[in-house]
PDB file of all heavy atoms in Angstrom:
ATOM      1  N   GLY A   1       0.809  -1.208   0.020  1.00  0.00           N
ATOM      2  CA  GLY A   1       0.010  -0.024   0.007  1.00  0.00           C
ATOM      3  C   GLY A   1       0.839   1.255  -0.027  1.00  0.00           C
ATOM      4  O   GLY A   1       0.457   2.255  -0.576  1.00  0.00           O
ATOM      5  N   PHE A   2       2.004   1.187   0.670  1.00  0.00           N
ATOM      6  CA  PHE A   2       2.903   2.351   0.649  1.00  0.00           C
ATOM      7  C   PHE A   2       3.310   2.667  -0.788  1.00  0.00           C
ATOM      8  O   PHE A   2       3.270   3.802  -1.247  1.00  0.00           O
ATOM      9  CB  PHE A   2       4.142   2.066   1.498  1.00  0.00           C
ATOM     10  CG  PHE A   2       4.932   3.297   1.764  1.00  0.00           C
ATOM     11  CD1 PHE A   2       4.910   3.956   2.951  1.00  0.00           C
ATOM     12  CD2 PHE A   2       5.816   3.828   0.800  1.00  0.00           C
ATOM     13  CE1 PHE A   2       5.676   5.053   3.227  1.00  0.00           C
ATOM     14  CE2 PHE A   2       6.565   4.964   1.049  1.00  0.00           C
ATOM     15  CZ  PHE A   2       6.496   5.597   2.257  1.00  0.00           C
ATOM     16  N   VAL A   3       3.747   1.595  -1.507  1.00  0.00           N
ATOM     17  CA  VAL A   3       4.218   1.768  -2.852  1.00  0.00           C
ATOM     18  C   VAL A   3       3.063   2.282  -3.777  1.00  0.00           C
ATOM     19  O   VAL A   3       3.253   3.141  -4.654  1.00  0.00           O
ATOM     20  CB  VAL A   3       4.812   0.471  -3.435  1.00  0.00           C
ATOM     21  CG1 VAL A   3       5.185   0.635  -4.887  1.00  0.00           C
ATOM     22  CG2 VAL A   3       6.042   0.120  -2.584  1.00  0.00           C
ATOM     23  N   SER A   4       1.883   1.741  -3.614  1.00  0.00           N
ATOM     24  CA  SER A   4       0.779   2.153  -4.484  1.00  0.00           C
ATOM     25  C   SER A   4       0.456   3.597  -4.305  1.00  0.00           C
ATOM     26  O   SER A   4       0.209   4.333  -5.275  1.00  0.00           O
ATOM     27  CB  SER A   4      -0.480   1.309  -4.222  1.00  0.00           C
ATOM     28  OG  SER A   4      -0.930   1.319  -2.918  1.00  0.00           O
ATOM     29  N   ASN A   5       0.468   4.133  -3.082  1.00  0.00           N
ATOM     30  CA  ASN A   5       0.250   5.531  -2.847  1.00  0.00           C
ATOM     31  C   ASN A   5       1.371   6.425  -3.363  1.00  0.00           C
ATOM     32  O   ASN A   5       1.143   7.368  -4.078  1.00  0.00           O
ATOM     33  CB  ASN A   5       0.089   5.816  -1.332  1.00  0.00           C
ATOM     34  CG  ASN A   5      -1.353   5.763  -0.887  1.00  0.00           C
ATOM     35  OD1 ASN A   5      -2.295   5.940  -1.659  1.00  0.00           O
ATOM     36  ND2 ASN A   5      -1.556   5.514   0.416  1.00  0.00           N
ATOM     37  N   GLU A   6       2.607   6.044  -3.032  1.00  0.00           N
ATOM     38  CA  GLU A   6       3.751   6.824  -3.522  1.00  0.00           C
ATOM     39  C   GLU A   6       3.800   6.892  -5.054  1.00  0.00           C
ATOM     40  O   GLU A   6       4.005   7.967  -5.623  1.00  0.00           O
ATOM     41  CB  GLU A   6       5.020   6.260  -2.915  1.00  0.00           C
ATOM     42  CG  GLU A   6       6.235   7.141  -3.106  1.00  0.00           C
ATOM     43  CD  GLU A   6       6.862   7.023  -4.500  1.00  0.00           C
ATOM     44  OE1 GLU A   6       6.816   5.912  -5.075  1.00  0.00           O
ATOM     45  OE2 GLU A   6       7.383   8.020  -5.002  1.00  0.00           O
ATOM     46  N   ALA A   7       3.686   5.734  -5.667  1.00  0.00           N
ATOM     47  CA  ALA A   7       3.772   5.653  -7.133  1.00  0.00           C
ATOM     48  C   ALA A   7       2.620   6.323  -7.877  1.00  0.00           C
ATOM     49  O   ALA A   7       2.801   7.068  -8.802  1.00  0.00           O
ATOM     50  CB  ALA A   7       3.916   4.195  -7.573  1.00  0.00           C
ATOM     51  N   ALA A   8       1.425   6.018  -7.371  1.00  0.00           N
ATOM     52  CA  ALA A   8       0.261   6.520  -8.082  1.00  0.00           C
ATOM     53  C   ALA A   8       0.086   8.036  -7.961  1.00  0.00           C
ATOM     54  O   ALA A   8      -0.218   8.751  -8.932  1.00  0.00           O
ATOM     55  CB  ALA A   8      -1.033   5.801  -7.617  1.00  0.00           C
ATOM     56  N   ILE A   9       0.194   8.539  -6.749  1.00  0.00           N
ATOM     57  CA  ILE A   9      -0.006  10.004  -6.544  1.00  0.00           C
ATOM     58  C   ILE A   9       1.079  10.796  -7.275  1.00  0.00           C
ATOM     59  O   ILE A   9       0.717  11.792  -7.956  1.00  0.00           O
ATOM     60  CB  ILE A   9       0.022  10.289  -5.041  1.00  0.00           C
ATOM     61  CG1 ILE A   9      -1.190   9.741  -4.316  1.00  0.00           C
ATOM     62  CG2 ILE A   9       0.097  11.856  -4.790  1.00  0.00           C
ATOM     63  CD1 ILE A   9      -1.126   9.849  -2.781  1.00  0.00           C
ATOM     64  N   SER A  10       2.306  10.379  -7.172  1.00  0.00           N
ATOM     65  CA  SER A  10       3.373  11.134  -7.836  1.00  0.00           C
ATOM     66  C   SER A  10       3.238  11.061  -9.334  1.00  0.00           C
ATOM     67  O   SER A  10       3.422  12.098 -10.060  1.00  0.00           O
ATOM     68  CB  SER A  10       4.754  10.576  -7.416  1.00  0.00           C
ATOM     69  OG  SER A  10       4.929   9.225  -7.816  1.00  0.00           O
ATOM     70  N   THR A  11       2.805   9.924  -9.937  1.00  0.00           N
ATOM     71  CA  THR A  11       2.722   9.800 -11.341  1.00  0.00           C
ATOM     72  C   THR A  11       1.542  10.614 -11.870  1.00  0.00           C
ATOM     73  O   THR A  11       1.628  11.319 -12.900  1.00  0.00           O
ATOM     74  CB  THR A  11       2.554   8.329 -11.705  1.00  0.00           C
ATOM     75  OG1 THR A  11       3.696   7.624 -11.236  1.00  0.00           O
ATOM     76  CG2 THR A  11       2.433   8.132 -13.238  1.00  0.00           C
ATOM     77  N   ILE A  12       0.402  10.470 -11.238  1.00  0.00           N
ATOM     78  CA  ILE A  12      -0.826  11.173 -11.673  1.00  0.00           C
ATOM     79  C   ILE A  12      -0.529  12.693 -11.649  1.00  0.00           C
ATOM     80  O   ILE A  12      -0.871  13.399 -12.592  1.00  0.00           O
ATOM     81  CB  ILE A  12      -2.028  10.837 -10.818  1.00  0.00           C
ATOM     82  CG1 ILE A  12      -2.426   9.373 -11.052  1.00  0.00           C
ATOM     83  CG2 ILE A  12      -3.190  11.754 -11.026  1.00  0.00           C
ATOM     84  CD1 ILE A  12      -3.454   8.815 -10.054  1.00  0.00           C
ATOM     85  N   ALA A  13       0.054  13.193 -10.567  1.00  0.00           N
ATOM     86  CA  ALA A  13       0.310  14.633 -10.405  1.00  0.00           C
ATOM     87  C   ALA A  13       1.319  15.130 -11.480  1.00  0.00           C
ATOM     88  O   ALA A  13       1.130  16.203 -12.014  1.00  0.00           O
ATOM     89  CB  ALA A  13       0.751  14.949  -9.029  1.00  0.00           C
ATOM     90  N   LYS A  14       2.328  14.324 -11.766  1.00  0.00           N
ATOM     91  CA  LYS A  14       3.321  14.670 -12.763  1.00  0.00           C
ATOM     92  C   LYS A  14       2.683  14.830 -14.164  1.00  0.00           C
ATOM     93  O   LYS A  14       3.053  15.664 -14.946  1.00  0.00           O
ATOM     94  CB  LYS A  14       4.481  13.688 -12.798  1.00  0.00           C
ATOM     95  CG  LYS A  14       5.464  13.761 -11.664  1.00  0.00           C
ATOM     96  CD  LYS A  14       6.517  12.697 -11.755  1.00  0.00           C
ATOM     97  CE  LYS A  14       7.494  12.746 -10.611  1.00  0.00           C
ATOM     98  NZ  LYS A  14       8.487  11.656 -10.697  1.00  0.00           N
ATOM     99  N   LEU A  15       1.716  13.945 -14.447  1.00  0.00           N
ATOM    100  CA  LEU A  15       1.124  13.937 -15.778  1.00  0.00           C
ATOM    101  C   LEU A  15       0.117  15.058 -15.954  1.00  0.00           C
ATOM    102  O   LEU A  15      -0.136  15.454 -17.112  1.00  0.00           O
ATOM    103  CB  LEU A  15       0.445  12.584 -16.027  1.00  0.00           C
ATOM    104  CG  LEU A  15       1.398  11.373 -16.239  1.00  0.00           C
ATOM    105  CD1 LEU A  15       0.632  10.069 -16.278  1.00  0.00           C
ATOM    106  CD2 LEU A  15       2.278  11.528 -17.422  1.00  0.00           C
ATOM    107  N   LEU A  16      -0.465  15.528 -14.860  1.00  0.00           N
ATOM    108  CA  LEU A  16      -1.381  16.663 -14.958  1.00  0.00           C
ATOM    109  C   LEU A  16      -0.616  17.973 -15.188  1.00  0.00           C
ATOM    110  O   LEU A  16       0.223  18.298 -14.346  1.00  0.00           O
ATOM    111  CB  LEU A  16      -2.244  16.684 -13.737  1.00  0.00           C
ATOM    112  CG  LEU A  16      -3.236  15.569 -13.527  1.00  0.00           C
ATOM    113  CD1 LEU A  16      -3.914  15.636 -12.189  1.00  0.00           C
ATOM    114  CD2 LEU A  16      -4.270  15.527 -14.638  1.00  0.00           C
ATOM    115  N   PRO A  17      -0.893  18.759 -16.163  1.00  0.00           N
ATOM    116  CA  PRO A  17      -0.136  20.005 -16.411  1.00  0.00           C
ATOM    117  C   PRO A  17      -0.407  21.078 -15.316  1.00  0.00           C
ATOM    118  O   PRO A  17      -1.546  21.334 -14.969  1.00  0.00           O
ATOM    119  CB  PRO A  17      -0.706  20.457 -17.761  1.00  0.00           C
ATOM    120  CG  PRO A  17      -2.053  19.869 -17.889  1.00  0.00           C
ATOM    121  CD  PRO A  17      -1.939  18.533 -17.182  1.00  0.00           C
ATOM    122  N   ASP A  18       0.699  21.597 -14.760  1.00  0.00           N
ATOM    123  CA  ASP A  18       0.641  22.612 -13.744  1.00  0.00           C
ATOM    124  C   ASP A  18      -0.239  22.215 -12.571  1.00  0.00           C
ATOM    125  O   ASP A  18      -1.107  22.978 -12.070  1.00  0.00           O
ATOM    126  CB  ASP A  18       0.152  23.988 -14.303  1.00  0.00           C
ATOM    127  CG  ASP A  18       0.268  25.118 -13.336  1.00  0.00           C
ATOM    128  OD1 ASP A  18       1.170  25.094 -12.431  1.00  0.00           O
ATOM    129  OD2 ASP A  18      -0.549  26.065 -13.351  1.00  0.00           O
ATOM    130  N   CYS A  19      -0.109  20.921 -12.169  1.00  0.00           N
ATOM    131  CA  CYS A  19      -0.995  20.371 -11.148  1.00  0.00           C
ATOM    132  C   CYS A  19      -0.778  20.954  -9.718  1.00  0.00           C
ATOM    133  O   CYS A  19       0.341  21.221  -9.322  1.00  0.00           O
ATOM    134  CB  CYS A  19      -0.845  18.855 -11.054  1.00  0.00           C
ATOM    135  SG  CYS A  19      -1.897  18.062  -9.829  1.00  0.00           S
ATOM    136  N   LEU A  20      -1.883  21.218  -9.037  1.00  0.00           N
ATOM    137  CA  LEU A  20      -1.818  21.584  -7.638  1.00  0.00           C
ATOM    138  C   LEU A  20      -2.386  20.405  -6.793  1.00  0.00           C
ATOM    139  O   LEU A  20      -3.482  19.989  -7.053  1.00  0.00           O
ATOM    140  CB  LEU A  20      -2.652  22.829  -7.365  1.00  0.00           C
ATOM    141  CG  LEU A  20      -2.889  23.183  -5.864  1.00  0.00           C
ATOM    142  CD1 LEU A  20      -1.593  23.498  -5.178  1.00  0.00           C
ATOM    143  CD2 LEU A  20      -3.878  24.295  -5.768  1.00  0.00           C
ATOM    144  N   ILE A  21      -1.617  19.871  -5.873  1.00  0.00           N
ATOM    145  CA  ILE A  21      -2.103  18.813  -4.976  1.00  0.00           C
ATOM    146  C   ILE A  21      -2.658  19.467  -3.699  1.00  0.00           C
ATOM    147  O   ILE A  21      -1.954  20.337  -3.072  1.00  0.00           O
ATOM    148  CB  ILE A  21      -0.985  17.807  -4.644  1.00  0.00           C
ATOM    149  CG1 ILE A  21      -0.563  17.015  -5.868  1.00  0.00           C
ATOM    150  CG2 ILE A  21      -1.531  16.855  -3.592  1.00  0.00           C
ATOM    151  CD1 ILE A  21       0.512  15.978  -5.566  1.00  0.00           C
ATOM    152  N   LEU A  22      -3.850  19.109  -3.310  1.00  0.00           N
ATOM    153  CA  LEU A  22      -4.483  19.541  -2.066  1.00  0.00           C
ATOM    154  C   LEU A  22      -4.528  18.319  -1.169  1.00  0.00           C
ATOM    155  O   LEU A  22      -5.257  17.378  -1.444  1.00  0.00           O
ATOM    156  CB  LEU A  22      -5.863  20.156  -2.342  1.00  0.00           C
ATOM    157  CG  LEU A  22      -5.793  21.354  -3.255  1.00  0.00           C
ATOM    158  CD1 LEU A  22      -7.093  21.450  -4.119  1.00  0.00           C
ATOM    159  CD2 LEU A  22      -5.578  22.620  -2.550  1.00  0.00           C
ATOM    160  N   SER A  23      -3.775  18.323  -0.028  1.00  0.00           N
ATOM    161  CA  SER A  23      -3.578  17.139   0.745  1.00  0.00           C
ATOM    162  C   SER A  23      -4.034  17.366   2.178  1.00  0.00           C
ATOM    163  O   SER A  23      -3.736  18.399   2.806  1.00  0.00           O
ATOM    164  CB  SER A  23      -2.099  16.791   0.767  1.00  0.00           C
ATOM    165  OG  SER A  23      -1.793  15.675   1.574  1.00  0.00           O
ATOM    166  N   ASP A  24      -4.839  16.444   2.747  1.00  0.00           N
ATOM    167  CA  ASP A  24      -5.293  16.532   4.127  1.00  0.00           C
ATOM    168  C   ASP A  24      -4.094  16.530   5.068  1.00  0.00           C
ATOM    169  O   ASP A  24      -3.110  15.773   4.881  1.00  0.00           O
ATOM    170  CB  ASP A  24      -6.231  15.339   4.432  1.00  0.00           C
ATOM    171  CG  ASP A  24      -6.873  15.477   5.802  1.00  0.00           C
ATOM    172  OD1 ASP A  24      -6.184  15.239   6.804  1.00  0.00           O
ATOM    173  OD2 ASP A  24      -8.096  15.838   5.850  1.00  0.00           O
ATOM    174  N   ALA A  25      -4.156  17.265   6.114  1.00  0.00           N
ATOM    175  CA  ALA A  25      -3.029  17.470   7.067  1.00  0.00           C
ATOM    176  C   ALA A  25      -2.611  16.133   7.757  1.00  0.00           C
ATOM    177  O   ALA A  25      -1.467  16.051   8.209  1.00  0.00           O
ATOM    178  CB  ALA A  25      -3.368  18.507   8.083  1.00  0.00           C
ATOM    179  N   LEU A  26      -3.538  15.213   7.850  1.00  0.00           N
ATOM    180  CA  LEU A  26      -3.254  13.935   8.548  1.00  0.00           C
ATOM    181  C   LEU A  26      -3.106  12.767   7.615  1.00  0.00           C
ATOM    182  O   LEU A  26      -3.255  11.604   8.050  1.00  0.00           O
ATOM    183  CB  LEU A  26      -4.283  13.677   9.650  1.00  0.00           C
ATOM    184  CG  LEU A  26      -4.333  14.677  10.826  1.00  0.00           C
ATOM    185  CD1 LEU A  26      -5.245  14.120  11.924  1.00  0.00           C
ATOM    186  CD2 LEU A  26      -2.911  14.861  11.401  1.00  0.00           C
ATOM    187  N   ASN A  27      -2.854  13.032   6.362  1.00  0.00           N
ATOM    188  CA  ASN A  27      -2.598  11.928   5.436  1.00  0.00           C
ATOM    189  C   ASN A  27      -1.422  11.067   5.850  1.00  0.00           C
ATOM    190  O   ASN A  27      -0.470  11.577   6.457  1.00  0.00           O
ATOM    191  CB  ASN A  27      -2.370  12.431   4.001  1.00  0.00           C
ATOM    192  CG  ASN A  27      -3.669  12.741   3.248  1.00  0.00           C
ATOM    193  OD1 ASN A  27      -4.763  12.240   3.606  1.00  0.00           O
ATOM    194  ND2 ASN A  27      -3.607  13.563   2.225  1.00  0.00           N
ATOM    195  N   HIS A  28      -1.477   9.806   5.488  1.00  0.00           N
ATOM    196  CA  HIS A  28      -0.480   8.847   5.813  1.00  0.00           C
ATOM    197  C   HIS A  28       0.918   9.207   5.104  1.00  0.00           C
ATOM    198  O   HIS A  28       0.875   9.888   4.059  1.00  0.00           O
ATOM    199  CB  HIS A  28      -0.885   7.429   5.322  1.00  0.00           C
ATOM    200  CG  HIS A  28       0.007   6.336   5.785  1.00  0.00           C
ATOM    201  ND1 HIS A  28       0.960   5.782   4.931  1.00  0.00           N
ATOM    202  CD2 HIS A  28       0.107   5.672   6.908  1.00  0.00           C
ATOM    203  CE1 HIS A  28       1.636   4.852   5.557  1.00  0.00           C
ATOM    204  NE2 HIS A  28       1.106   4.746   6.771  1.00  0.00           N
TER     205      HIS A  28
END
């Protein structure tokens, strides 16, 4: 699960042009 989060979030955000990530303060 650690790898799926790290890999998926980083990849999706990189592919989105000029992406802004909005992250909950207590995310894992």
